[in-house]
C-alpha atoms as a PDB file:
ATOM      1  CA  UNK A   1     117.912 161.833 114.511  1.00  0.00           C
ATOM      2  CA  UNK A   2     114.426 161.488 115.042  1.00  0.00           C
ATOM      3  CA  UNK A   3     112.905 162.645 118.570  1.00  0.00           C
ATOM      4  CA  UNK A   4     115.682 165.272 119.419  1.00  0.00           C
ATOM      5  CA  UNK A   5     115.776 169.038 118.655  1.00  0.00           C
ATOM      6  CA  UNK A   6     118.741 171.455 118.908  1.00  0.00           C
ATOM      7  CA  UNK A   7     119.153 173.111 122.185  1.00  0.00           C
ATOM      8  CA  UNK A   8     118.741 176.439 120.337  1.00  0.00           C
ATOM      9  CA  UNK A   9     115.298 175.442 119.125  1.00  0.00           C
ATOM     10  CA  UNK A  10     114.508 174.283 122.796  1.00  0.00           C
ATOM     11  CA  UNK A  11     115.539 177.946 124.288  1.00  0.00           C
ATOM     12  CA  UNK A  12     113.396 179.552 121.599  1.00  0.00           C
ATOM     13  CA  UNK A  13     110.653 177.354 122.265  1.00  0.00           C
ATOM     14  CA  UNK A  14     110.870 178.059 126.074  1.00  0.00           C
ATOM     15  CA  UNK A  15     111.494 181.781 125.339  1.00  0.00           C
ATOM     16  CA  UNK A  16     108.436 182.044 123.127  1.00  0.00           C
ATOM     17  CA  UNK A  17     106.062 180.330 125.698  1.00  0.00           C
ATOM     18  CA  UNK A  18     107.444 182.597 128.788  1.00  0.00           C
ATOM     19  CA  UNK A  19     108.500 179.220 130.199  1.00  0.00           C
ATOM     20  CA  UNK A  20     111.292 178.551 132.475  1.00  0.00           C
ATOM     21  CA  UNK A  21     112.860 175.421 133.881  1.00  0.00           C
ATOM     22  CA  UNK A  22     112.917 175.480 137.867  1.00  0.00           C
ATOM     23  CA  UNK A  23     112.992 172.869 140.857  1.00  0.00           C
ATOM     24  CA  UNK A  24     109.477 171.439 141.876  1.00  0.00           C
ATOM     25  CA  UNK A  25     110.104 172.672 145.173  1.00  0.00           C
ATOM     26  CA  UNK A  26     110.594 176.273 143.822  1.00  0.00           C
ATOM     27  CA  UNK A  27     107.207 175.781 141.376  1.00  0.00           C
ATOM     28  CA  UNK A  28     105.417 174.855 144.672  1.00  0.00           C
ATOM     29  CA  UNK A  29     106.320 177.789 146.847  1.00  0.00           C
ATOM     30  CA  UNK A  30     105.291 179.921 144.402  1.00  0.00           C
ATOM     31  CA  UNK A  31     102.110 177.938 144.156  1.00  0.00           C
ATOM     32  CA  UNK A  32     101.673 178.201 147.854  1.00  0.00           C
ATOM     33  CA  UNK A  33     102.627 181.842 147.807  1.00  0.00           C
ATOM     34  CA  UNK A  34      99.920 182.937 145.133  1.00  0.00           C
ATOM     35  CA  UNK A  35      97.496 180.847 146.997  1.00  0.00           C
ATOM     36  CA  UNK A  36      97.983 182.299 150.537  1.00  0.00           C
ATOM     37  CA  UNK A  37      97.959 185.923 149.048  1.00  0.00           C
ATOM     38  CA  UNK A  38      94.561 185.631 147.889  1.00  0.00           C
ATOM     39  CA  UNK A  39      93.074 184.674 151.721  1.00  0.00           C
ATOM     40  CA  UNK A  40      92.459 187.302 154.213  1.00  0.00           C
ATOM     41  CA  UNK A  41      94.257 185.562 157.032  1.00  0.00           C
ATOM     42  CA  UNK A  42      96.665 182.530 157.041  1.00  0.00           C
ATOM     43  CA  UNK A  43      97.888 179.866 159.790  1.00  0.00           C
ATOM     44  CA  UNK A  44     101.436 179.630 161.010  1.00  0.00           C
ATOM     45  CA  UNK A  45     101.634 176.270 158.754  1.00  0.00           C
ATOM     46  CA  UNK A  46     100.777 177.828 155.880  1.00  0.00           C
ATOM     47  CA  UNK A  47     103.062 180.699 155.917  1.00  0.00           C
ATOM     48  CA  UNK A  48     106.045 178.241 156.806  1.00  0.00           C
ATOM     49  CA  UNK A  49     105.227 176.246 153.799  1.00  0.00           C
ATOM     50  CA  UNK A  50     104.823 178.790 151.169  1.00  0.00           C
ATOM     51  CA  UNK A  51     108.140 180.220 152.137  1.00  0.00           C
ATOM     52  CA  UNK A  52     106.778 183.957 151.969  1.00  0.00           C
ATOM     53  CA  UNK A  53     109.245 185.199 155.190  1.00  0.00           C
ATOM     54  CA  UNK A  54     111.997 182.983 153.999  1.00  0.00           C
ATOM     55  CA  UNK A  55     111.567 180.573 157.003  1.00  0.00           C
ATOM     56  CA  UNK A  56     110.945 177.153 156.838  1.00  0.00           C
ATOM     57  CA  UNK A  57     109.639 176.268 160.004  1.00  0.00           C
ATOM     58  CA  UNK A  58     106.414 176.991 162.097  1.00  0.00           C
ATOM     59  CA  UNK A  59     108.888 178.030 165.000  1.00  0.00           C
ATOM     60  CA  UNK A  60     110.377 180.417 162.757  1.00  0.00           C
ATOM     61  CA  UNK A  61     107.245 181.978 161.870  1.00  0.00           C
ATOM     62  CA  UNK A  62     106.451 182.192 165.547  1.00  0.00           C
ATOM     63  CA  UNK A  63     109.694 184.057 166.164  1.00  0.00           C
ATOM     64  CA  UNK A  64     108.775 186.400 163.436  1.00  0.00           C
ATOM     65  CA  UNK A  65     105.565 187.394 165.013  1.00  0.00           C
ATOM     66  CA  UNK A  66     106.955 189.152 167.390  1.00  0.00           C
ATOM     67  CA  UNK A  67     107.473 191.805 164.793  1.00  0.00           C
ATOM     68  CA  UNK A  68     103.688 192.178 164.310  1.00  0.00           C
ATOM     69  CA  UNK A  69     101.244 194.478 166.118  1.00  0.00           C
ATOM     70  CA  UNK A  70      98.881 192.509 168.561  1.00  0.00           C
ATOM     71  CA  UNK A  71      95.834 193.045 166.791  1.00  0.00           C
ATOM     72  CA  UNK A  72      97.650 191.583 163.258  1.00  0.00           C
ATOM     73  CA  UNK A  73      97.475 188.008 164.493  1.00  0.00           C
ATOM     74  CA  UNK A  74      95.101 185.957 166.773  1.00  0.00           C
ATOM     75  CA  UNK A  75      94.548 182.694 168.590  1.00  0.00           C
ATOM     76  CA  UNK A  76      91.371 181.015 167.064  1.00  0.00           C
ATOM     77  CA  UNK A  77      89.296 178.883 169.386  1.00  0.00           C
ATOM     78  CA  UNK A  78      90.170 175.754 167.497  1.00  0.00           C
ATOM     79  CA  UNK A  79      93.850 176.297 168.889  1.00  0.00           C
ATOM     80  CA  UNK A  80      95.371 177.828 165.575  1.00  0.00           C
ATOM     81  CA  UNK A  81      96.885 181.254 165.357  1.00  0.00           C
ATOM     82  CA  UNK A  82      96.069 183.127 162.167  1.00  0.00           C
ATOM     83  CA  UNK A  83      97.857 186.044 160.849  1.00  0.00           C
ATOM     84  CA  UNK A  84      96.302 188.610 158.557  1.00  0.00           C
ATOM     85  CA  UNK A  85      97.544 188.657 155.048  1.00  0.00           C
ATOM     86  CA  UNK A  86      97.959 192.557 155.141  1.00  0.00           C
ATOM     87  CA  UNK A  87     100.628 191.565 158.003  1.00  0.00           C
ATOM     88  CA  UNK A  88     102.140 188.930 156.149  1.00  0.00           C
ATOM     89  CA  UNK A  89     102.536 191.144 153.198  1.00  0.00           C
ATOM     90  CA  UNK A  90     104.197 193.922 155.097  1.00  0.00           C
ATOM     91  CA  UNK A  91     106.898 191.642 156.759  1.00  0.00           C
ATOM     92  CA  UNK A  92     107.703 189.840 153.709  1.00  0.00           C
ATOM     93  CA  UNK A  93     108.214 193.174 151.847  1.00  0.00           C
ATOM     94  CA  UNK A  94     105.636 193.017 149.310  1.00  0.00           C
END
């Protein structure tokens, strides 16, 4: 049977190369979390898209802003609300 490998060989290959099988959505959220944590501040949309606070909507993130101190988020003149990454990490339990 050309083109086929046994499941044990496949699992061994995954283990040797530190690979995992995951959904595309999970992989995207992990990537967005990594990108988010490299910044100094983030928008509400970035926080919602990354899923770091385990909420998937901007309104859910806005509701969690009540847990933050007043100096940990601000309204930019462009109309967007920005949150300091230190506050994002603390709220996420990182």
